[in-house]
């Protein structure tokens, strides 16, 4: 994924506090699991895991993860230029190819059909603006349907402005990704 492998888990902090911005909604097992986004972890990087339950089985959730190619499914006014994320599935989006664009600033790094996909911040402008970073979205069965998990790895930024960014990133991402995961879970359950 553009970074050295074998570093996963080396920078993972201990168990996060329940409800903390680093592990919102995640179970201990979800926090402890290695995700492909962890392959980029290096000392000093931020690792975040978010999760929500979904009343739908993984096969119903998977197409909605693929919909992230066309819209972010978060707060559309902020991150989709005011356009509403589609509420119906777009045909053909489950035919994935590494390198495809997702949510404008990401590209597909790897996937396991009906299970997970991993995105990286695209090189160029997006990386200059947001820095490097990886997100794995995983859908896992559970007794009531499935769990929708987002695992993120982003480098901490340096300097005074970097320190402010590092403190705000987990909270800002939590607000956006919480909305995204809940929206996708709701749409899949319909």
C-alpha atoms as a PDB file:
ATOM      1  CA  UNK A   1       0.000   0.000   0.000  1.00  0.00           C
ATOM      2  CA  UNK A   2       2.884   2.344  -0.568  1.00  0.00           C
ATOM      3  CA  UNK A   3       4.441   1.863   2.886  1.00  0.00           C
ATOM      4  CA  UNK A   4       6.651  -0.770   4.437  1.00  0.00           C
ATOM      5  CA  UNK A   5       4.769  -3.831   5.594  1.00  0.00           C
ATOM      6  CA  UNK A   6       5.412  -5.521   8.901  1.00  0.00           C
ATOM      7  CA  UNK A   7       4.847  -2.440  11.049  1.00  0.00           C
ATOM      8  CA  UNK A   8       1.227  -3.189  11.843  1.00  0.00           C
ATOM      9  CA  UNK A   9       0.437  -3.149  15.510  1.00  0.00           C
ATOM     10  CA  UNK A  10       3.814  -1.773  16.617  1.00  0.00           C
ATOM     11  CA  UNK A  11       2.470   1.696  17.335  1.00  0.00           C
ATOM     12  CA  UNK A  12      -0.962   0.642  18.545  1.00  0.00           C
ATOM     13  CA  UNK A  13      -1.721   2.173  21.930  1.00  0.00           C
ATOM     14  CA  UNK A  14      -3.285   0.102  24.688  1.00  0.00           C
ATOM     15  CA  UNK A  15      -6.989  -0.390  25.017  1.00  0.00           C
ATOM     16  CA  UNK A  16      -8.830   2.850  24.341  1.00  0.00           C
ATOM     17  CA  UNK A  17     -11.452   4.098  26.734  1.00  0.00           C
ATOM     18  CA  UNK A  18     -14.971   3.135  25.623  1.00  0.00           C
ATOM     19  CA  UNK A  19     -16.497   5.979  23.687  1.00  0.00           C
ATOM     20  CA  UNK A  20     -13.150   7.727  23.199  1.00  0.00           C
ATOM     21  CA  UNK A  21     -12.586   9.440  19.857  1.00  0.00           C
ATOM     22  CA  UNK A  22      -9.923   6.844  19.031  1.00  0.00           C
ATOM     23  CA  UNK A  23     -12.258   3.833  19.321  1.00  0.00           C
ATOM     24  CA  UNK A  24     -15.827   5.063  19.124  1.00  0.00           C
ATOM     25  CA  UNK A  25     -18.349   2.206  18.980  1.00  0.00           C
ATOM     26  CA  UNK A  26     -15.637  -0.436  18.587  1.00  0.00           C
ATOM     27  CA  UNK A  27     -15.532  -3.593  20.643  1.00  0.00           C
ATOM     28  CA  UNK A  28     -12.255  -4.698  22.197  1.00  0.00           C
ATOM     29  CA  UNK A  29     -11.959  -7.396  19.514  1.00  0.00           C
ATOM     30  CA  UNK A  30     -12.461  -4.787  16.746  1.00  0.00           C
ATOM     31  CA  UNK A  31      -9.815  -2.549  18.310  1.00  0.00           C
ATOM     32  CA  UNK A  32      -7.338  -5.436  18.698  1.00  0.00           C
ATOM     33  CA  UNK A  33      -7.808  -6.757  15.141  1.00  0.00           C
ATOM     34  CA  UNK A  34      -5.254  -5.893  12.471  1.00  0.00           C
ATOM     35  CA  UNK A  35      -6.720  -4.221   9.396  1.00  0.00           C
ATOM     36  CA  UNK A  36      -4.897  -3.574   6.100  1.00  0.00           C
ATOM     37  CA  UNK A  37      -4.836   0.138   6.992  1.00  0.00           C
ATOM     38  CA  UNK A  38      -2.578  -0.827   9.916  1.00  0.00           C
ATOM     39  CA  UNK A  39       0.164  -1.833   7.456  1.00  0.00           C
ATOM     40  CA  UNK A  40       1.122   1.836   7.177  1.00  0.00           C
ATOM     41  CA  UNK A  41       1.395   2.474  10.913  1.00  0.00           C
ATOM     42  CA  UNK A  42       4.652   3.979  12.080  1.00  0.00           C
ATOM     43  CA  UNK A  43       5.704   5.383  15.462  1.00  0.00           C
ATOM     44  CA  UNK A  44       3.724   8.523  16.180  1.00  0.00           C
ATOM     45  CA  UNK A  45       0.835   7.754  13.845  1.00  0.00           C
ATOM     46  CA  UNK A  46      -2.791   8.069  14.910  1.00  0.00           C
ATOM     47  CA  UNK A  47      -4.884   4.900  14.734  1.00  0.00           C
ATOM     48  CA  UNK A  48      -8.651   5.187  15.041  1.00  0.00           C
ATOM     49  CA  UNK A  49     -11.371   2.547  14.859  1.00  0.00           C
ATOM     50  CA  UNK A  50     -15.097   3.315  14.573  1.00  0.00           C
ATOM     51  CA  UNK A  51     -17.905   0.754  14.395  1.00  0.00           C
ATOM     52  CA  UNK A  52     -21.686   0.530  14.252  1.00  0.00           C
ATOM     53  CA  UNK A  53     -24.148  -2.358  14.307  1.00  0.00           C
ATOM     54  CA  UNK A  54     -26.255  -2.952  11.229  1.00  0.00           C
ATOM     55  CA  UNK A  55     -29.523  -4.892  11.004  1.00  0.00           C
ATOM     56  CA  UNK A  56     -28.597  -6.091   7.498  1.00  0.00           C
ATOM     57  CA  UNK A  57     -26.332  -9.045   6.622  1.00  0.00           C
ATOM     58  CA  UNK A  58     -22.869  -8.350   5.145  1.00  0.00           C
ATOM     59  CA  UNK A  59     -24.056  -9.089   1.591  1.00  0.00           C
ATOM     60  CA  UNK A  60     -26.537  -6.203   1.876  1.00  0.00           C
ATOM     61  CA  UNK A  61     -23.967  -3.823   3.396  1.00  0.00           C
ATOM     62  CA  UNK A  62     -21.191  -4.486   0.851  1.00  0.00           C
ATOM     63  CA  UNK A  63     -22.831  -2.648  -2.099  1.00  0.00           C
ATOM     64  CA  UNK A  64     -23.218   0.426   0.117  1.00  0.00           C
ATOM     65  CA  UNK A  65     -19.503   0.414   0.913  1.00  0.00           C
ATOM     66  CA  UNK A  66     -18.892   0.348  -2.837  1.00  0.00           C
ATOM     67  CA  UNK A  67     -21.181   3.412  -3.138  1.00  0.00           C
ATOM     68  CA  UNK A  68     -18.399   5.412  -1.473  1.00  0.00           C
ATOM     69  CA  UNK A  69     -17.040   5.731  -5.017  1.00  0.00           C
ATOM     70  CA  UNK A  70     -19.738   8.292  -5.802  1.00  0.00           C
ATOM     71  CA  UNK A  71     -20.389  10.056  -2.493  1.00  0.00           C
ATOM     72  CA  UNK A  72     -19.145  10.297   1.097  1.00  0.00           C
ATOM     73  CA  UNK A  73     -22.483   9.599   2.874  1.00  0.00           C
ATOM     74  CA  UNK A  74     -21.605  11.919   5.722  1.00  0.00           C
ATOM     75  CA  UNK A  75     -22.618  15.564   6.062  1.00  0.00           C
ATOM     76  CA  UNK A  76     -23.255  16.355   2.417  1.00  0.00           C
ATOM     77  CA  UNK A  77     -23.260  20.117   2.933  1.00  0.00           C
ATOM     78  CA  UNK A  78     -19.668  19.920   4.202  1.00  0.00           C
ATOM     79  CA  UNK A  79     -18.073  17.108   2.255  1.00  0.00           C
ATOM     80  CA  UNK A  80     -20.190  16.683  -0.879  1.00  0.00           C
ATOM     81  CA  UNK A  81     -20.583  20.313  -1.988  1.00  0.00           C
ATOM     82  CA  UNK A  82     -24.186  20.298  -0.844  1.00  0.00           C
ATOM     83  CA  UNK A  83     -25.245  17.453  -3.128  1.00  0.00           C
ATOM     84  CA  UNK A  84     -27.166  14.676  -1.426  1.00  0.00           C
ATOM     85  CA  UNK A  85     -25.444  11.293  -1.388  1.00  0.00           C
ATOM     86  CA  UNK A  86     -27.559   8.868  -3.473  1.00  0.00           C
ATOM     87  CA  UNK A  87     -30.172   6.845  -1.598  1.00  0.00           C
ATOM     88  CA  UNK A  88     -30.311   4.120  -4.263  1.00  0.00           C
ATOM     89  CA  UNK A  89     -27.514   1.807  -5.336  1.00  0.00           C
ATOM     90  CA  UNK A  90     -25.675   2.693  -8.531  1.00  0.00           C
ATOM     91  CA  UNK A  91     -25.335  -0.341 -10.834  1.00  0.00           C
ATOM     92  CA  UNK A  92     -21.817  -1.632 -11.489  1.00  0.00           C
ATOM     93  CA  UNK A  93     -20.075  -0.148  -8.463  1.00  0.00           C
ATOM     94  CA  UNK A  94     -19.388  -3.560  -6.930  1.00  0.00           C
ATOM     95  CA  UNK A  95     -17.026  -4.344  -9.843  1.00  0.00           C
ATOM     96  CA  UNK A  96     -13.904  -3.055  -8.101  1.00  0.00           C
ATOM     97  CA  UNK A  97     -10.414  -2.464  -9.472  1.00  0.00           C
ATOM     98  CA  UNK A  98      -7.400  -1.337  -7.444  1.00  0.00           C
ATOM     99  CA  UNK A  99      -6.735   2.335  -8.141  1.00  0.00           C
ATOM    100  CA  UNK A 100     -10.392   3.406  -8.470  1.00  0.00           C
ATOM    101  CA  UNK A 101     -11.366   6.754  -6.947  1.00  0.00           C
ATOM    102  CA  UNK A 102     -13.446   6.865  -3.773  1.00  0.00           C
ATOM    103  CA  UNK A 103     -14.946   9.964  -2.138  1.00  0.00           C
ATOM    104  CA  UNK A 104     -12.903  12.248  -4.442  1.00  0.00           C
ATOM    105  CA  UNK A 105      -9.678  12.249  -2.377  1.00  0.00           C
ATOM    106  CA  UNK A 106      -9.116   8.495  -1.889  1.00  0.00           C
ATOM    107  CA  UNK A 107      -8.128   5.594  -4.113  1.00  0.00           C
ATOM    108  CA  UNK A 108      -8.753   1.876  -3.680  1.00  0.00           C
ATOM    109  CA  UNK A 109      -5.659   0.020  -2.456  1.00  0.00           C
ATOM    110  CA  UNK A 110      -7.048  -3.483  -1.834  1.00  0.00           C
ATOM    111  CA  UNK A 111     -10.319  -5.296  -1.271  1.00  0.00           C
ATOM    112  CA  UNK A 112     -11.873  -8.624  -0.385  1.00  0.00           C
ATOM    113  CA  UNK A 113     -15.295  -8.824  -2.041  1.00  0.00           C
ATOM    114  CA  UNK A 114     -18.218  -8.673   0.406  1.00  0.00           C
ATOM    115  CA  UNK A 115     -15.801  -8.227   3.304  1.00  0.00           C
ATOM    116  CA  UNK A 116     -13.520  -5.165   3.223  1.00  0.00           C
ATOM    117  CA  UNK A 117     -11.933  -2.420   1.177  1.00  0.00           C
ATOM    118  CA  UNK A 118      -8.915  -0.267   1.958  1.00  0.00           C
ATOM    119  CA  UNK A 119      -8.428   3.259   0.660  1.00  0.00           C
ATOM    120  CA  UNK A 120      -5.449   5.611   0.697  1.00  0.00           C
ATOM    121  CA  UNK A 121      -5.330   9.372   0.311  1.00  0.00           C
ATOM    122  CA  UNK A 122      -4.526  10.014  -3.355  1.00  0.00           C
ATOM    123  CA  UNK A 123      -1.063  11.363  -4.171  1.00  0.00           C
ATOM    124  CA  UNK A 124      -0.727  14.970  -5.234  1.00  0.00           C
ATOM    125  CA  UNK A 125      -3.149  17.616  -4.020  1.00  0.00           C
ATOM    126  CA  UNK A 126      -5.091  15.415  -1.573  1.00  0.00           C
ATOM    127  CA  UNK A 127      -1.889  14.210   0.122  1.00  0.00           C
ATOM    128  CA  UNK A 128      -0.482  17.745   0.274  1.00  0.00           C
ATOM    129  CA  UNK A 129      -3.711  18.981   1.854  1.00  0.00           C
ATOM    130  CA  UNK A 130      -4.549  16.080   4.189  1.00  0.00           C
ATOM    131  CA  UNK A 131      -1.310  14.113   4.472  1.00  0.00           C
ATOM    132  CA  UNK A 132      -0.894  10.410   3.861  1.00  0.00           C
ATOM    133  CA  UNK A 133      -3.497   8.128   5.338  1.00  0.00           C
ATOM    134  CA  UNK A 134      -5.338   4.835   5.012  1.00  0.00           C
ATOM    135  CA  UNK A 135      -8.850   3.696   5.832  1.00  0.00           C
ATOM    136  CA  UNK A 136     -10.136   0.132   5.896  1.00  0.00           C
ATOM    137  CA  UNK A 137     -13.894  -0.384   5.832  1.00  0.00           C
ATOM    138  CA  UNK A 138     -14.896  -3.870   6.943  1.00  0.00           C
ATOM    139  CA  UNK A 139     -18.278  -5.537   7.229  1.00  0.00           C
ATOM    140  CA  UNK A 140     -18.429  -8.524   9.549  1.00  0.00           C
ATOM    141  CA  UNK A 141     -21.329 -10.808  10.417  1.00  0.00           C
ATOM    142  CA  UNK A 142     -22.681 -10.906  13.941  1.00  0.00           C
ATOM    143  CA  UNK A 143     -25.707 -12.501  15.530  1.00  0.00           C
ATOM    144  CA  UNK A 144     -28.051  -9.623  14.686  1.00  0.00           C
ATOM    145  CA  UNK A 145     -26.892  -8.821  11.173  1.00  0.00           C
ATOM    146  CA  UNK A 146     -23.439  -7.301  10.812  1.00  0.00           C
ATOM    147  CA  UNK A 147     -20.917  -4.831  12.149  1.00  0.00           C
ATOM    148  CA  UNK A 148     -19.624  -2.023   9.979  1.00  0.00           C
ATOM    149  CA  UNK A 149     -16.080  -1.014  10.984  1.00  0.00           C
ATOM    150  CA  UNK A 150     -13.828   1.808   9.844  1.00  0.00           C
ATOM    151  CA  UNK A 151     -10.131   1.620  10.805  1.00  0.00           C
ATOM    152  CA  UNK A 152      -7.938   4.637  10.058  1.00  0.00           C
ATOM    153  CA  UNK A 153      -4.209   5.344  10.189  1.00  0.00           C
ATOM    154  CA  UNK A 154      -2.877   8.891   9.742  1.00  0.00           C
ATOM    155  CA  UNK A 155       0.508  10.433  10.588  1.00  0.00           C
ATOM    156  CA  UNK A 156       0.682  12.992  13.339  1.00  0.00           C
ATOM    157  CA  UNK A 157       1.624  16.420  12.040  1.00  0.00           C
ATOM    158  CA  UNK A 158       4.545  18.433  13.381  1.00  0.00           C
ATOM    159  CA  UNK A 159       4.800  21.947  14.749  1.00  0.00           C
ATOM    160  CA  UNK A 160       2.300  24.123  16.572  1.00  0.00           C
ATOM    161  CA  UNK A 161      -0.385  23.881  13.889  1.00  0.00           C
ATOM    162  CA  UNK A 162       0.306  20.151  13.664  1.00  0.00           C
ATOM    163  CA  UNK A 163      -0.286  19.730  17.387  1.00  0.00           C
ATOM    164  CA  UNK A 164      -3.657  21.469  17.052  1.00  0.00           C
ATOM    165  CA  UNK A 165      -4.502  19.295  14.036  1.00  0.00           C
ATOM    166  CA  UNK A 166      -3.481  16.113  15.907  1.00  0.00           C
ATOM    167  CA  UNK A 167      -5.755  17.027  18.807  1.00  0.00           C
ATOM    168  CA  UNK A 168      -8.730  17.873  16.583  1.00  0.00           C
ATOM    169  CA  UNK A 169      -8.426  15.120  13.942  1.00  0.00           C
ATOM    170  CA  UNK A 170      -9.827  12.265  16.078  1.00  0.00           C
ATOM    171  CA  UNK A 171     -12.834  14.370  17.114  1.00  0.00           C
ATOM    172  CA  UNK A 172     -13.480  15.829  13.667  1.00  0.00           C
ATOM    173  CA  UNK A 173     -13.155  12.458  12.004  1.00  0.00           C
ATOM    174  CA  UNK A 174     -15.418  10.917  14.631  1.00  0.00           C
ATOM    175  CA  UNK A 175     -18.195  13.380  13.809  1.00  0.00           C
ATOM    176  CA  UNK A 176     -17.911  12.722  10.072  1.00  0.00           C
ATOM    177  CA  UNK A 177     -17.306   8.961  10.096  1.00  0.00           C
ATOM    178  CA  UNK A 178     -19.974   8.313  12.727  1.00  0.00           C
ATOM    179  CA  UNK A 179     -22.527   9.946  10.437  1.00  0.00           C
ATOM    180  CA  UNK A 180     -21.150   8.052   7.428  1.00  0.00           C
ATOM    181  CA  UNK A 181     -21.255   4.609   9.066  1.00  0.00           C
ATOM    182  CA  UNK A 182     -24.709   5.172  10.552  1.00  0.00           C
ATOM    183  CA  UNK A 183     -26.044   6.356   7.172  1.00  0.00           C
ATOM    184  CA  UNK A 184     -24.591   3.351   5.326  1.00  0.00           C
ATOM    185  CA  UNK A 185     -25.939   0.942   7.969  1.00  0.00           C
ATOM    186  CA  UNK A 186     -29.391   2.536   7.750  1.00  0.00           C
ATOM    187  CA  UNK A 187     -29.462   2.386   3.941  1.00  0.00           C
ATOM    188  CA  UNK A 188     -28.346  -1.255   3.933  1.00  0.00           C
ATOM    189  CA  UNK A 189     -31.023  -2.186   6.473  1.00  0.00           C
ATOM    190  CA  UNK A 190     -33.808  -0.729   4.307  1.00  0.00           C
END
